[in-house]
Amino acid sequence: MGNELARIGGALRQLFSDSMVEPISPLDSMSGFRYSYTEVRMQGDGTHVRRSETRLQDGRLVTEECEGMVDEQVYQRLLEQSQRQWHEQMEQAMQLVFMPFWLSGRDR
């Protein structure tokens, strides 16, 4: 799978570095683009983190990637933050769904 990703990434870089593709002028462009992901997984010897970000910068696609190992405490902190954020988002969604019913019941 890693070789396939490298092949696809190389093909995309070649496509955008080809002289037929003109860079978009920042003044002509009213939109932006940014895509990123972070992959965190536990392995026997620690926590493996991989991060990738692709963005439109100065009319060209720029990709930055990094990966490495971090301490298990970092993984635990990340897990707690993710769970807290998920709970907060679910609470907000439930308020949007159920708040009208709660308010209409109080008006009676």
Protein backbone atom coordinates (compact mmCIF):
# COMPACT_ATOMS: atom_id res chain seq x y z
CA MET A 1 0.00 0.00 0.00
CA GLY A 2 2.89 2.37 0.76
CA ASN A 3 4.32 1.90 -2.73
CA GLU A 4 0.93 2.60 -4.26
CA LEU A 5 0.57 5.83 -2.23
CA ALA A 6 4.06 6.90 -3.26
CA ARG A 7 3.24 6.17 -6.91
CA ILE A 8 -0.02 8.16 -6.71
CA GLY A 9 1.72 11.04 -4.91
CA GLY A 10 4.46 11.10 -7.54
CA ALA A 11 1.88 11.12 -10.33
CA LEU A 12 0.03 14.04 -8.71
CA ARG A 13 3.26 16.00 -8.22
CA GLN A 14 4.18 15.39 -11.85
CA LEU A 15 0.73 16.47 -12.97
CA PHE A 16 0.91 19.76 -11.07
CA SER A 17 4.56 20.45 -11.93
CA ASP A 18 3.93 19.89 -15.62
CA SER A 19 4.39 23.04 -17.70
CA MET A 20 0.87 22.65 -19.11
CA VAL A 21 -0.60 23.46 -15.70
CA GLU A 22 -0.33 27.15 -15.00
CA PRO A 23 -0.33 28.25 -11.37
CA ILE A 24 -3.44 30.07 -10.25
CA SER A 25 -2.77 33.69 -9.44
CA PRO A 26 -3.68 34.46 -5.82
CA LEU A 27 -5.44 37.62 -7.02
CA ASP A 28 -7.57 35.63 -9.47
CA SER A 29 -8.54 33.01 -6.93
CA MET A 30 -11.26 33.74 -4.39
CA SER A 31 -11.15 30.27 -2.88
CA GLY A 32 -8.71 28.17 -0.96
CA PHE A 33 -8.12 24.53 -0.37
CA ARG A 34 -6.81 22.64 2.65
CA TYR A 35 -6.98 18.96 3.47
CA SER A 36 -5.24 17.33 6.41
CA TYR A 37 -5.36 14.16 8.41
CA THR A 38 -3.66 12.77 11.46
CA GLU A 39 -3.37 9.05 12.05
CA VAL A 40 -2.55 7.83 15.56
CA ARG A 41 -2.14 4.16 16.41
CA MET A 42 -0.73 2.16 19.26
CA GLN A 43 2.05 -0.27 18.49
CA GLY A 44 3.86 -2.63 20.80
CA ASP A 45 6.76 -0.22 21.33
CA GLY A 46 4.83 3.04 21.53
CA THR A 47 2.45 5.35 19.71
CA HIS A 48 2.95 5.95 15.98
CA VAL A 49 1.73 9.29 14.57
CA ARG A 50 1.46 10.19 10.89
CA ARG A 51 0.27 13.60 9.67
CA SER A 52 -0.29 14.91 6.18
CA GLU A 53 -1.51 18.29 4.96
CA THR A 54 -2.21 19.44 1.41
CA ARG A 55 -3.12 23.05 0.68
CA LEU A 56 -3.30 25.53 -2.16
CA GLN A 57 -0.52 28.05 -1.61
CA ASP A 58 0.58 30.67 -4.12
CA GLY A 59 -1.39 28.94 -6.87
CA ARG A 60 0.22 25.53 -6.32
CA LEU A 61 -0.64 22.47 -4.28
CA VAL A 62 1.79 22.04 -1.38
CA THR A 63 1.94 18.79 0.60
CA GLU A 64 3.69 18.33 3.92
CA GLU A 65 3.99 14.97 5.63
CA CYS A 66 5.63 13.81 8.83
CA GLU A 67 5.58 10.75 11.02
CA GLY A 68 7.20 9.50 14.18
CA MET A 69 6.82 7.87 17.55
CA VAL A 70 5.53 9.62 20.69
CA ASP A 71 5.19 8.69 24.35
CA GLU A 72 2.15 6.72 25.50
CA GLN A 73 1.04 9.66 27.68
CA VAL A 74 0.63 11.75 24.52
CA TYR A 75 -1.69 9.07 23.14
CA GLN A 76 -3.75 9.02 26.35
CA ARG A 77 -4.07 12.84 26.32
CA LEU A 78 -5.10 12.79 22.65
CA LEU A 79 -7.69 10.11 23.36
CA GLU A 80 -9.17 12.13 26.25
CA GLN A 81 -9.33 15.29 24.12
CA SER A 82 -11.02 13.41 21.26
CA GLN A 83 -13.61 11.89 23.59
CA ARG A 84 -14.32 15.26 25.23
CA GLN A 85 -14.75 16.93 21.82
CA TRP A 86 -17.07 14.14 20.64
CA HIS A 87 -19.22 14.47 23.78
CA GLU A 88 -19.44 18.26 23.38
CA GLN A 89 -20.47 17.91 19.73
CA MET A 90 -23.12 15.31 20.60
CA GLU A 91 -24.46 17.55 23.36
CA GLN A 92 -24.79 20.45 20.91
CA ALA A 93 -26.51 18.21 18.35
CA MET A 94 -28.97 16.92 20.95
CA GLN A 95 -29.77 20.48 22.02
CA LEU A 96 -30.55 21.39 18.41
CA VAL A 97 -32.84 18.40 18.05
CA PHE A 98 -34.61 18.40 21.40
CA MET A 99 -34.57 22.09 22.44
CA PRO A 100 -37.68 23.02 20.40
CA PHE A 101 -39.69 20.27 22.14
CA TRP A 102 -38.42 21.30 25.55
CA LEU A 103 -39.25 24.97 24.92
CA SER A 104 -42.73 24.22 23.54
CA GLY A 105 -43.53 22.11 26.63
CA ARG A 106 -42.58 24.98 28.96
CA ASP A 107 -44.88 27.48 27.21
CA ARG A 108 -48.02 25.53 28.12
